[in-house]
N, C-alpha and C. Protein backbone atom coordinates (compact mmCIF):
# COMPACT_ATOMS: atom_id res chain seq x y z
N MET A 1 0.83 -1.21 0.00
CA MET A 1 0.00 0.00 0.00
C MET A 1 0.86 1.25 0.00
N SER A 2 0.40 2.27 -0.72
CA SER A 2 1.15 3.51 -0.77
C SER A 2 1.26 4.17 0.59
N ALA A 3 0.21 4.04 1.41
CA ALA A 3 0.23 4.67 2.73
C ALA A 3 1.39 4.13 3.56
N GLN A 4 1.74 2.88 3.37
CA GLN A 4 2.83 2.29 4.16
C GLN A 4 4.18 2.90 3.81
N ARG A 5 4.29 3.53 2.65
CA ARG A 5 5.53 4.22 2.31
C ARG A 5 5.74 5.42 3.22
N LEU A 6 4.65 5.91 3.83
CA LEU A 6 4.73 7.05 4.73
C LEU A 6 4.95 6.64 6.18
N ALA A 7 5.03 5.36 6.44
CA ALA A 7 5.28 4.87 7.80
C ALA A 7 6.78 4.97 8.10
N THR A 8 7.26 6.19 8.10
CA THR A 8 8.68 6.46 8.27
C THR A 8 8.83 7.79 9.00
N ASP A 9 10.06 8.21 9.24
CA ASP A 9 10.29 9.47 9.95
C ASP A 9 9.78 10.65 9.13
N PRO A 10 9.46 11.78 9.77
CA PRO A 10 8.85 12.89 9.04
C PRO A 10 9.73 13.50 7.95
N VAL A 11 11.04 13.49 8.13
CA VAL A 11 11.92 14.04 7.09
C VAL A 11 11.88 13.17 5.84
N SER A 12 11.95 11.86 6.01
CA SER A 12 11.88 10.96 4.86
C SER A 12 10.52 11.06 4.18
N ALA A 13 9.46 11.16 4.99
CA ALA A 13 8.12 11.29 4.42
C ALA A 13 7.98 12.61 3.66
N ALA A 14 8.54 13.68 4.20
CA ALA A 14 8.47 14.98 3.53
C ALA A 14 9.16 14.93 2.17
N ARG A 15 10.32 14.33 2.13
CA ARG A 15 11.03 14.21 0.86
C ARG A 15 10.22 13.40 -0.15
N LEU A 16 9.52 12.38 0.34
CA LEU A 16 8.71 11.54 -0.54
C LEU A 16 7.49 12.29 -1.08
N LEU A 17 6.96 13.21 -0.28
CA LEU A 17 5.75 13.92 -0.67
C LEU A 17 6.00 15.04 -1.69
N VAL A 18 7.22 15.51 -1.79
CA VAL A 18 7.53 16.51 -2.82
C VAL A 18 7.43 15.83 -4.19
N GLY A 19 6.56 16.34 -5.03
CA GLY A 19 6.32 15.73 -6.33
C GLY A 19 5.09 14.85 -6.37
N ALA A 20 4.46 14.60 -5.22
CA ALA A 20 3.25 13.80 -5.17
C ALA A 20 2.09 14.53 -5.82
N GLU A 21 1.12 13.77 -6.31
CA GLU A 21 -0.06 14.36 -6.94
C GLU A 21 -1.21 14.38 -5.95
N LEU A 22 -1.89 15.51 -5.89
CA LEU A 22 -3.01 15.71 -4.98
C LEU A 22 -4.25 15.96 -5.83
N ILE A 23 -5.31 15.19 -5.58
CA ILE A 23 -6.54 15.31 -6.36
C ILE A 23 -7.68 15.61 -5.40
N CYS A 24 -8.40 16.71 -5.65
CA CYS A 24 -9.46 17.10 -4.72
C CYS A 24 -10.54 17.90 -5.43
N ARG A 25 -11.74 17.38 -5.46
CA ARG A 25 -12.93 18.11 -5.88
C ARG A 25 -12.76 18.84 -7.22
N GLY A 26 -12.22 18.09 -8.19
CA GLY A 26 -12.10 18.61 -9.54
C GLY A 26 -10.80 19.33 -9.85
N VAL A 27 -9.91 19.42 -8.86
CA VAL A 27 -8.61 20.07 -9.06
C VAL A 27 -7.50 19.06 -8.82
N THR A 28 -6.51 19.07 -9.69
CA THR A 28 -5.33 18.23 -9.53
C THR A 28 -4.11 19.13 -9.42
N ALA A 29 -3.20 18.80 -8.51
CA ALA A 29 -2.00 19.62 -8.31
C ALA A 29 -0.83 18.74 -7.93
N THR A 30 0.37 19.25 -8.24
CA THR A 30 1.60 18.57 -7.87
C THR A 30 2.24 19.31 -6.71
N VAL A 31 2.54 18.61 -5.63
CA VAL A 31 3.12 19.22 -4.44
C VAL A 31 4.57 19.60 -4.72
N VAL A 32 4.93 20.86 -4.42
CA VAL A 32 6.30 21.32 -4.69
C VAL A 32 7.00 21.84 -3.43
N GLU A 33 6.27 21.94 -2.31
CA GLU A 33 6.89 22.43 -1.07
C GLU A 33 6.17 21.85 0.13
N VAL A 34 6.94 21.37 1.10
CA VAL A 34 6.36 20.76 2.31
C VAL A 34 7.23 21.12 3.52
N GLU A 35 6.67 20.87 4.71
CA GLU A 35 7.44 20.99 5.95
C GLU A 35 7.16 19.77 6.82
N ALA A 36 8.21 19.23 7.41
CA ALA A 36 8.09 18.07 8.30
C ALA A 36 7.90 18.53 9.74
N TYR A 37 7.06 17.78 10.47
CA TYR A 37 6.83 18.05 11.89
C TYR A 37 6.83 16.73 12.66
N GLY A 38 7.48 16.76 13.82
CA GLY A 38 7.58 15.57 14.64
C GLY A 38 6.49 15.49 15.68
N GLY A 39 6.90 15.19 16.94
CA GLY A 39 5.90 14.96 17.98
C GLY A 39 6.38 15.35 19.36
N PRO A 40 5.85 14.69 20.39
CA PRO A 40 6.16 15.06 21.78
C PRO A 40 7.57 14.68 22.20
N PRO A 41 8.01 15.21 23.34
CA PRO A 41 9.39 14.98 23.80
C PRO A 41 9.74 13.52 24.02
N ASP A 42 8.75 12.69 24.37
CA ASP A 42 9.04 11.28 24.63
C ASP A 42 8.94 10.41 23.38
N GLY A 43 8.73 11.03 22.22
CA GLY A 43 8.65 10.28 20.98
C GLY A 43 9.99 10.25 20.26
N PRO A 44 10.05 9.58 19.11
CA PRO A 44 11.32 9.45 18.39
C PRO A 44 11.78 10.73 17.70
N TRP A 45 10.84 11.67 17.48
CA TRP A 45 11.19 12.90 16.75
C TRP A 45 10.66 14.12 17.52
N PRO A 46 11.21 14.42 18.69
CA PRO A 46 10.72 15.57 19.47
C PRO A 46 10.78 16.85 18.64
N ASP A 47 9.69 17.62 18.69
CA ASP A 47 9.62 18.81 17.86
C ASP A 47 8.72 19.84 18.55
N ALA A 48 9.35 20.87 19.13
CA ALA A 48 8.58 21.88 19.87
C ALA A 48 7.66 22.69 18.98
N ALA A 49 7.85 22.65 17.67
CA ALA A 49 6.99 23.39 16.75
C ALA A 49 5.75 22.60 16.34
N ALA A 50 5.69 21.32 16.69
CA ALA A 50 4.58 20.46 16.26
C ALA A 50 3.36 20.64 17.15
N HIS A 51 2.18 20.52 16.56
CA HIS A 51 0.93 20.59 17.33
C HIS A 51 0.82 19.46 18.34
N SER A 52 1.54 18.39 18.11
CA SER A 52 1.48 17.22 18.99
C SER A 52 2.53 17.26 20.10
N PHE A 53 3.29 18.34 20.20
CA PHE A 53 4.43 18.36 21.14
C PHE A 53 3.99 18.15 22.58
N ARG A 54 2.81 18.68 22.94
CA ARG A 54 2.34 18.55 24.33
C ARG A 54 1.56 17.27 24.57
N GLY A 55 1.57 16.37 23.60
CA GLY A 55 0.92 15.09 23.78
C GLY A 55 -0.40 14.98 23.04
N ARG A 56 -0.96 13.81 23.09
CA ARG A 56 -2.20 13.50 22.39
C ARG A 56 -3.39 14.14 23.07
N GLY A 57 -4.30 14.69 22.26
CA GLY A 57 -5.51 15.25 22.83
C GLY A 57 -6.20 16.18 21.88
N GLY A 58 -7.53 16.12 21.84
CA GLY A 58 -8.29 17.02 20.99
C GLY A 58 -8.06 16.75 19.52
N ARG A 59 -7.93 17.81 18.74
CA ARG A 59 -7.84 17.66 17.30
C ARG A 59 -6.52 17.05 16.84
N ASN A 60 -5.47 17.11 17.65
CA ASN A 60 -4.20 16.56 17.18
C ASN A 60 -4.18 15.04 17.21
N GLU A 61 -5.26 14.42 17.64
CA GLU A 61 -5.36 12.96 17.69
C GLU A 61 -4.99 12.34 16.34
N VAL A 62 -5.39 12.99 15.26
CA VAL A 62 -5.12 12.45 13.92
C VAL A 62 -3.62 12.34 13.65
N MET A 63 -2.83 13.22 14.25
CA MET A 63 -1.38 13.21 14.01
C MET A 63 -0.71 11.93 14.51
N PHE A 64 -1.40 11.18 15.35
CA PHE A 64 -0.83 9.96 15.92
C PHE A 64 -1.11 8.73 15.07
N GLY A 65 -1.61 8.93 13.87
CA GLY A 65 -1.74 7.83 12.94
C GLY A 65 -3.17 7.33 12.79
N PRO A 66 -3.30 6.39 11.85
CA PRO A 66 -2.28 5.75 11.03
C PRO A 66 -1.75 6.67 9.92
N PRO A 67 -0.63 6.29 9.31
CA PRO A 67 -0.08 7.11 8.23
C PRO A 67 -1.02 7.14 7.04
N GLY A 68 -0.91 8.24 6.27
CA GLY A 68 -1.75 8.37 5.09
C GLY A 68 -3.06 9.08 5.34
N ARG A 69 -3.30 9.50 6.57
CA ARG A 69 -4.51 10.28 6.87
C ARG A 69 -4.20 11.77 6.72
N MET A 70 -5.26 12.57 6.58
CA MET A 70 -5.09 14.01 6.50
C MET A 70 -5.39 14.66 7.85
N TYR A 71 -4.50 15.55 8.26
CA TYR A 71 -4.71 16.34 9.47
C TYR A 71 -4.89 17.79 9.05
N THR A 72 -6.06 18.37 9.36
CA THR A 72 -6.33 19.77 9.01
C THR A 72 -6.43 20.61 10.27
N TYR A 73 -6.05 21.87 10.15
CA TYR A 73 -6.21 22.84 11.24
C TYR A 73 -6.37 24.22 10.64
N ARG A 74 -6.79 25.17 11.46
CA ARG A 74 -6.91 26.55 11.00
C ARG A 74 -5.72 27.38 11.50
N SER A 75 -5.07 28.06 10.58
CA SER A 75 -3.97 28.97 10.93
C SER A 75 -4.57 30.32 11.29
N HIS A 76 -4.22 30.80 12.48
CA HIS A 76 -4.75 32.07 12.98
C HIS A 76 -6.28 32.08 13.01
N GLY A 77 -6.86 30.89 13.11
CA GLY A 77 -8.30 30.78 13.18
C GLY A 77 -9.02 31.08 11.87
N ILE A 78 -8.26 31.21 10.77
CA ILE A 78 -8.85 31.62 9.49
C ILE A 78 -8.60 30.60 8.39
N HIS A 79 -7.32 30.39 8.07
CA HIS A 79 -6.96 29.61 6.89
C HIS A 79 -6.84 28.12 7.22
N VAL A 80 -7.48 27.28 6.42
CA VAL A 80 -7.35 25.84 6.59
C VAL A 80 -5.99 25.40 6.03
N CYS A 81 -5.28 24.58 6.79
CA CYS A 81 -3.99 24.02 6.36
C CYS A 81 -4.09 22.50 6.42
N ALA A 82 -3.41 21.84 5.48
CA ALA A 82 -3.50 20.38 5.36
C ALA A 82 -2.15 19.73 5.56
N ASN A 83 -2.16 18.64 6.32
CA ASN A 83 -0.97 17.85 6.60
C ASN A 83 -1.23 16.39 6.23
N VAL A 84 -0.17 15.70 5.87
CA VAL A 84 -0.23 14.26 5.64
C VAL A 84 0.43 13.57 6.82
N VAL A 85 -0.32 12.72 7.50
CA VAL A 85 0.21 12.01 8.67
C VAL A 85 1.20 10.95 8.21
N CYS A 86 2.30 10.83 8.94
CA CYS A 86 3.33 9.84 8.62
C CYS A 86 3.77 9.15 9.89
N GLY A 87 4.81 8.32 9.81
CA GLY A 87 5.29 7.59 10.98
C GLY A 87 4.46 6.35 11.25
N ASP A 88 4.89 5.58 12.24
CA ASP A 88 4.15 4.38 12.64
C ASP A 88 2.85 4.76 13.33
N ASP A 89 1.85 3.92 13.21
CA ASP A 89 0.57 4.15 13.88
C ASP A 89 0.80 4.27 15.38
N GLY A 90 0.29 5.35 15.97
CA GLY A 90 0.47 5.59 17.39
C GLY A 90 1.60 6.54 17.72
N VAL A 91 2.40 6.90 16.71
CA VAL A 91 3.53 7.82 16.90
C VAL A 91 3.25 9.10 16.11
N ALA A 92 3.32 10.24 16.77
CA ALA A 92 2.93 11.50 16.12
C ALA A 92 3.98 12.01 15.14
N ALA A 93 3.54 12.33 13.94
CA ALA A 93 4.37 12.98 12.92
C ALA A 93 3.47 13.34 11.75
N ALA A 94 3.78 14.44 11.08
CA ALA A 94 2.99 14.85 9.92
C ALA A 94 3.82 15.77 9.05
N VAL A 95 3.36 15.95 7.82
CA VAL A 95 4.03 16.80 6.85
C VAL A 95 3.02 17.83 6.35
N LEU A 96 3.33 19.11 6.55
CA LEU A 96 2.48 20.20 6.08
C LEU A 96 2.67 20.38 4.58
N LEU A 97 1.56 20.45 3.86
CA LEU A 97 1.60 20.73 2.42
C LEU A 97 1.63 22.25 2.25
N ARG A 98 2.77 22.79 1.82
CA ARG A 98 2.95 24.25 1.77
C ARG A 98 2.61 24.86 0.42
N ALA A 99 2.89 24.17 -0.67
CA ALA A 99 2.65 24.76 -1.98
C ALA A 99 2.53 23.66 -3.03
N ALA A 100 1.77 23.98 -4.09
CA ALA A 100 1.57 23.02 -5.17
C ALA A 100 1.39 23.75 -6.49
N VAL A 101 1.61 23.04 -7.57
CA VAL A 101 1.38 23.53 -8.92
C VAL A 101 0.07 22.92 -9.41
N VAL A 102 -0.92 23.74 -9.67
CA VAL A 102 -2.19 23.25 -10.21
C VAL A 102 -1.98 22.80 -11.64
N THR A 103 -2.39 21.57 -11.96
CA THR A 103 -2.20 21.02 -13.30
C THR A 103 -3.51 20.75 -14.03
N ASP A 104 -4.61 20.73 -13.28
CA ASP A 104 -5.92 20.52 -13.90
C ASP A 104 -6.98 21.14 -12.99
N GLY A 105 -8.08 21.58 -13.60
CA GLY A 105 -9.14 22.20 -12.82
C GLY A 105 -8.87 23.67 -12.52
N PHE A 106 -8.23 24.34 -13.46
CA PHE A 106 -7.85 25.75 -13.25
C PHE A 106 -9.07 26.63 -12.97
N GLY A 107 -10.17 26.38 -13.68
CA GLY A 107 -11.36 27.19 -13.49
C GLY A 107 -11.88 27.10 -12.08
N ILE A 108 -11.90 25.91 -11.52
CA ILE A 108 -12.37 25.70 -10.14
C ILE A 108 -11.42 26.39 -9.17
N ALA A 109 -10.12 26.21 -9.38
CA ALA A 109 -9.13 26.81 -8.48
C ALA A 109 -9.20 28.33 -8.52
N HIS A 110 -9.33 28.90 -9.72
CA HIS A 110 -9.40 30.36 -9.84
C HIS A 110 -10.70 30.90 -9.22
N ALA A 111 -11.77 30.15 -9.34
CA ALA A 111 -13.04 30.58 -8.75
C ALA A 111 -12.93 30.65 -7.23
N SER A 112 -12.15 29.73 -6.66
CA SER A 112 -11.96 29.71 -5.20
C SER A 112 -11.00 30.78 -4.73
N ARG A 113 -9.98 31.06 -5.53
CA ARG A 113 -8.90 31.95 -5.11
C ARG A 113 -9.07 33.39 -5.56
N GLY A 114 -9.89 33.62 -6.58
CA GLY A 114 -10.05 34.99 -7.06
C GLY A 114 -9.00 35.37 -8.08
N PRO A 115 -8.83 36.67 -8.32
CA PRO A 115 -7.93 37.14 -9.39
C PRO A 115 -6.46 37.11 -8.98
N VAL A 116 -5.87 35.92 -9.00
CA VAL A 116 -4.44 35.77 -8.70
C VAL A 116 -3.77 35.10 -9.89
N THR A 117 -2.48 35.20 -9.96
CA THR A 117 -1.74 34.53 -11.03
C THR A 117 -1.81 33.02 -10.85
N THR A 118 -1.59 32.31 -11.93
CA THR A 118 -1.61 30.84 -11.86
C THR A 118 -0.57 30.32 -10.88
N ALA A 119 0.60 30.96 -10.85
CA ALA A 119 1.67 30.53 -9.95
C ALA A 119 1.27 30.71 -8.49
N ALA A 120 0.39 31.67 -8.21
CA ALA A 120 0.00 31.96 -6.84
C ALA A 120 -1.22 31.18 -6.38
N LEU A 121 -1.82 30.38 -7.25
CA LEU A 121 -3.05 29.68 -6.90
C LEU A 121 -2.91 28.85 -5.62
N ALA A 122 -1.85 28.07 -5.53
CA ALA A 122 -1.68 27.17 -4.39
C ALA A 122 -0.34 27.40 -3.71
N ARG A 123 0.09 28.68 -3.67
CA ARG A 123 1.34 29.04 -2.99
C ARG A 123 1.00 29.43 -1.55
N GLY A 124 1.53 28.67 -0.62
CA GLY A 124 1.20 28.86 0.79
C GLY A 124 0.15 27.85 1.21
N PRO A 125 0.23 27.35 2.44
CA PRO A 125 -0.67 26.25 2.87
C PRO A 125 -2.14 26.62 2.86
N GLY A 126 -2.48 27.86 3.24
CA GLY A 126 -3.88 28.25 3.21
C GLY A 126 -4.42 28.38 1.80
N ASN A 127 -3.61 28.94 0.92
CA ASN A 127 -4.01 29.08 -0.48
C ASN A 127 -4.14 27.72 -1.16
N LEU A 128 -3.26 26.79 -0.82
CA LEU A 128 -3.33 25.44 -1.37
C LEU A 128 -4.68 24.82 -1.04
N CYS A 129 -5.09 24.92 0.21
CA CYS A 129 -6.37 24.32 0.60
C CYS A 129 -7.54 25.02 -0.06
N SER A 130 -7.45 26.34 -0.18
CA SER A 130 -8.51 27.09 -0.85
C SER A 130 -8.64 26.69 -2.31
N ALA A 131 -7.51 26.60 -3.01
CA ALA A 131 -7.53 26.27 -4.44
C ALA A 131 -8.07 24.87 -4.70
N LEU A 132 -7.78 23.94 -3.79
CA LEU A 132 -8.21 22.56 -3.99
C LEU A 132 -9.52 22.21 -3.27
N GLY A 133 -10.06 23.15 -2.53
CA GLY A 133 -11.32 22.88 -1.85
C GLY A 133 -11.20 22.00 -0.64
N ILE A 134 -10.02 21.97 0.00
CA ILE A 134 -9.84 21.19 1.22
C ILE A 134 -10.43 21.96 2.39
N THR A 135 -11.23 21.29 3.22
CA THR A 135 -11.92 21.94 4.33
C THR A 135 -11.59 21.25 5.66
N MET A 136 -12.04 21.84 6.74
CA MET A 136 -11.84 21.25 8.06
C MET A 136 -12.55 19.91 8.18
N GLN A 137 -13.60 19.70 7.39
CA GLN A 137 -14.32 18.43 7.43
C GLN A 137 -13.50 17.28 6.85
N ASP A 138 -12.40 17.60 6.18
CA ASP A 138 -11.53 16.55 5.63
C ASP A 138 -10.56 16.00 6.66
N ASN A 139 -10.59 16.51 7.87
CA ASN A 139 -9.70 16.03 8.92
C ASN A 139 -9.91 14.53 9.16
N GLY A 140 -8.83 13.77 9.09
CA GLY A 140 -8.88 12.34 9.40
C GLY A 140 -9.18 11.43 8.23
N ILE A 141 -9.45 11.98 7.04
CA ILE A 141 -9.78 11.10 5.92
C ILE A 141 -8.56 10.33 5.44
N ASP A 142 -8.81 9.19 4.82
CA ASP A 142 -7.78 8.33 4.27
C ASP A 142 -7.44 8.83 2.86
N LEU A 143 -6.24 9.35 2.68
CA LEU A 143 -5.84 9.93 1.40
C LEU A 143 -5.60 8.88 0.32
N PHE A 144 -5.58 7.61 0.70
CA PHE A 144 -5.33 6.55 -0.28
C PHE A 144 -6.57 5.70 -0.54
N ASP A 145 -7.71 6.12 -0.01
CA ASP A 145 -8.98 5.47 -0.30
C ASP A 145 -9.46 6.00 -1.66
N PRO A 146 -9.72 5.13 -2.62
CA PRO A 146 -10.09 5.59 -3.96
C PRO A 146 -11.39 6.39 -4.01
N VAL A 147 -12.23 6.32 -2.97
CA VAL A 147 -13.46 7.11 -2.96
C VAL A 147 -13.36 8.34 -2.07
N SER A 148 -12.16 8.61 -1.55
CA SER A 148 -11.96 9.78 -0.70
C SER A 148 -12.11 11.06 -1.51
N PRO A 149 -12.67 12.14 -0.93
CA PRO A 149 -12.76 13.41 -1.65
C PRO A 149 -11.41 14.09 -1.87
N VAL A 150 -10.41 13.68 -1.10
CA VAL A 150 -9.04 14.16 -1.29
C VAL A 150 -8.15 12.93 -1.42
N ARG A 151 -7.42 12.84 -2.51
CA ARG A 151 -6.59 11.66 -2.73
C ARG A 151 -5.16 12.08 -3.03
N LEU A 152 -4.25 11.19 -2.67
CA LEU A 152 -2.82 11.45 -2.84
C LEU A 152 -2.19 10.30 -3.60
N ALA A 153 -1.35 10.62 -4.58
CA ALA A 153 -0.61 9.61 -5.33
C ALA A 153 0.87 9.92 -5.22
N LEU A 154 1.61 9.01 -4.62
CA LEU A 154 3.04 9.20 -4.45
C LEU A 154 3.78 8.79 -5.71
N GLY A 155 4.87 9.48 -5.99
CA GLY A 155 5.70 9.14 -7.13
C GLY A 155 7.10 8.77 -6.67
N ALA A 156 8.05 8.90 -7.57
CA ALA A 156 9.44 8.63 -7.22
C ALA A 156 10.01 9.81 -6.45
N SER A 157 11.01 9.54 -5.61
CA SER A 157 11.66 10.63 -4.88
C SER A 157 12.39 11.55 -5.85
N LEU A 158 12.32 12.85 -5.59
CA LEU A 158 12.95 13.85 -6.45
C LEU A 158 14.02 14.59 -5.66
N PRO A 159 15.02 15.16 -6.35
CA PRO A 159 16.02 15.97 -5.65
C PRO A 159 15.38 17.24 -5.13
N VAL A 160 15.57 17.50 -3.85
CA VAL A 160 14.93 18.66 -3.23
C VAL A 160 15.97 19.56 -2.56
N ILE A 161 15.54 20.80 -2.29
CA ILE A 161 16.32 21.74 -1.51
C ILE A 161 15.71 21.77 -0.11
N SER A 162 16.53 21.97 0.91
CA SER A 162 16.01 22.03 2.28
C SER A 162 16.45 23.32 2.95
N GLY A 163 15.64 23.74 3.93
CA GLY A 163 15.96 24.93 4.69
C GLY A 163 15.04 25.03 5.89
N PRO A 164 15.15 26.09 6.69
CA PRO A 164 14.32 26.25 7.88
C PRO A 164 12.83 26.37 7.53
N ARG A 165 11.99 25.95 8.44
CA ARG A 165 10.55 26.07 8.26
C ARG A 165 10.12 27.53 8.36
N VAL A 166 8.98 27.84 7.75
CA VAL A 166 8.50 29.21 7.66
C VAL A 166 7.68 29.59 8.90
N GLY A 167 8.03 30.70 9.52
CA GLY A 167 7.16 31.30 10.53
C GLY A 167 7.05 30.60 11.86
N VAL A 168 7.87 29.59 12.14
CA VAL A 168 7.77 28.91 13.44
C VAL A 168 8.69 29.61 14.44
N SER A 169 8.24 29.69 15.68
CA SER A 169 9.05 30.34 16.72
C SER A 169 9.86 29.33 17.51
N LYS A 170 9.49 28.05 17.46
CA LYS A 170 10.21 26.99 18.14
C LYS A 170 10.93 26.13 17.10
N ALA A 171 12.10 25.62 17.47
CA ALA A 171 12.88 24.78 16.55
C ALA A 171 12.99 25.46 15.17
N ALA A 172 13.26 26.76 15.20
CA ALA A 172 13.20 27.57 13.98
C ALA A 172 14.37 27.34 13.02
N ASP A 173 15.46 26.77 13.52
CA ASP A 173 16.62 26.55 12.65
C ASP A 173 16.63 25.17 12.00
N ARG A 174 15.71 24.33 12.43
CA ARG A 174 15.69 22.96 11.91
C ARG A 174 15.38 22.98 10.41
N PRO A 175 16.23 22.39 9.56
CA PRO A 175 16.03 22.47 8.11
C PRO A 175 15.02 21.44 7.61
N TRP A 176 13.79 21.59 8.08
CA TRP A 176 12.75 20.60 7.78
C TRP A 176 11.73 21.10 6.75
N ARG A 177 12.08 22.12 5.98
CA ARG A 177 11.26 22.51 4.83
C ARG A 177 11.96 22.01 3.59
N PHE A 178 11.19 21.44 2.66
CA PHE A 178 11.75 20.85 1.45
C PHE A 178 10.96 21.34 0.24
N TRP A 179 11.67 21.67 -0.84
CA TRP A 179 10.99 22.18 -2.01
C TRP A 179 11.77 21.87 -3.28
N LEU A 180 11.07 21.99 -4.40
CA LEU A 180 11.69 21.80 -5.70
C LEU A 180 12.25 23.13 -6.20
N ALA A 181 13.41 23.08 -6.80
CA ALA A 181 14.05 24.29 -7.32
C ALA A 181 13.29 24.84 -8.52
N ASP A 182 13.43 26.15 -8.73
CA ASP A 182 12.94 26.82 -9.94
C ASP A 182 11.43 26.72 -10.12
N HIS A 183 10.70 26.80 -9.02
CA HIS A 183 9.24 26.81 -9.08
C HIS A 183 8.73 28.10 -8.43
N PRO A 184 8.10 28.98 -9.20
CA PRO A 184 7.59 30.23 -8.61
C PRO A 184 6.46 29.99 -7.61
N GLU A 185 5.91 28.78 -7.59
CA GLU A 185 4.85 28.47 -6.64
C GLU A 185 5.37 28.30 -5.21
N VAL A 186 6.66 28.11 -5.03
CA VAL A 186 7.23 27.90 -3.70
C VAL A 186 7.16 29.19 -2.88
N SER A 187 6.85 29.07 -1.60
CA SER A 187 6.72 30.21 -0.70
C SER A 187 8.05 30.92 -0.49
N ALA A 188 7.96 32.21 -0.21
CA ALA A 188 9.15 32.94 0.23
C ALA A 188 9.40 32.61 1.70
N TYR A 189 10.67 32.54 2.08
CA TYR A 189 11.00 32.23 3.48
C TYR A 189 10.81 33.46 4.35
N ARG A 190 10.08 33.28 5.44
CA ARG A 190 9.92 34.33 6.44
C ARG A 190 10.15 33.73 7.81
N ARG A 191 11.10 34.30 8.53
CA ARG A 191 11.39 33.82 9.89
C ARG A 191 10.45 34.51 10.87
N SER A 192 9.96 33.76 11.84
CA SER A 192 9.09 34.34 12.84
C SER A 192 9.84 35.38 13.67
N PRO A 193 9.23 36.54 13.93
CA PRO A 193 9.89 37.54 14.78
C PRO A 193 10.03 37.06 16.22
N ARG A 194 9.30 36.02 16.59
CA ARG A 194 9.37 35.46 17.94
C ARG A 194 10.44 34.37 18.06
N ALA A 195 11.05 34.00 16.94
CA ALA A 195 12.08 32.97 16.98
C ALA A 195 13.39 33.55 17.50
N PRO A 196 14.21 32.74 18.18
CA PRO A 196 15.53 33.22 18.61
C PRO A 196 16.41 33.55 17.41
N ALA A 197 17.49 34.25 17.63
CA ALA A 197 18.41 34.57 16.56
C ALA A 197 18.91 33.28 15.90
N PRO A 198 19.15 33.31 14.60
CA PRO A 198 19.64 32.10 13.93
C PRO A 198 20.86 31.51 14.64
N GLY A 199 20.82 30.22 14.86
CA GLY A 199 21.90 29.53 15.54
C GLY A 199 21.71 29.41 17.04
N ASP A 200 20.72 30.13 17.62
CA ASP A 200 20.49 30.06 19.05
C ASP A 200 19.41 29.09 19.45
N GLY A 201 18.73 28.50 18.45
CA GLY A 201 17.65 27.57 18.75
C GLY A 201 17.94 26.17 18.22
N ASP A 202 16.91 25.32 18.31
CA ASP A 202 17.00 23.93 17.84
C ASP A 202 17.03 23.93 16.32
């Protein structure tokens, strides 16, 4: 099963998800930027920036598996963001989908996003969800179920660039963002003003 390919550490899963195809409600897109997130301090990948860092409870339950499920949340209470759960079942880890290239369903994506350039349709995690019609109701769905409203198809691993994650104040130096070179759809890097000076954090 393709989902079992994601039963690995978040960095390996993130690298695997770059180049994956995402199909949702009439729109198809290729993932070009992701961020890896680990889990609580007693897990194999402690990550203070992860929603699961303080342990299992509430909406972060989905982050604890099984792999191949979608974890959604609202950024700043407004924008829906989508993650792909990875790691072994019962162990928290997920990969945030940061940007994608829309390859089909442009009319639907533009109707959702408004008057933006094609390159900007799914640039940034909130815009990606808006362009593809991913909602909070998609939390916990199986991305590899052929009848799922959101489906994921993994491909071969591609050469990626890595760097710090965008906008996190904890573990801000960790190079857990991965993207494809020469794609205008990739987000610009912005460091959180609440993060310690470069080199002073995890």
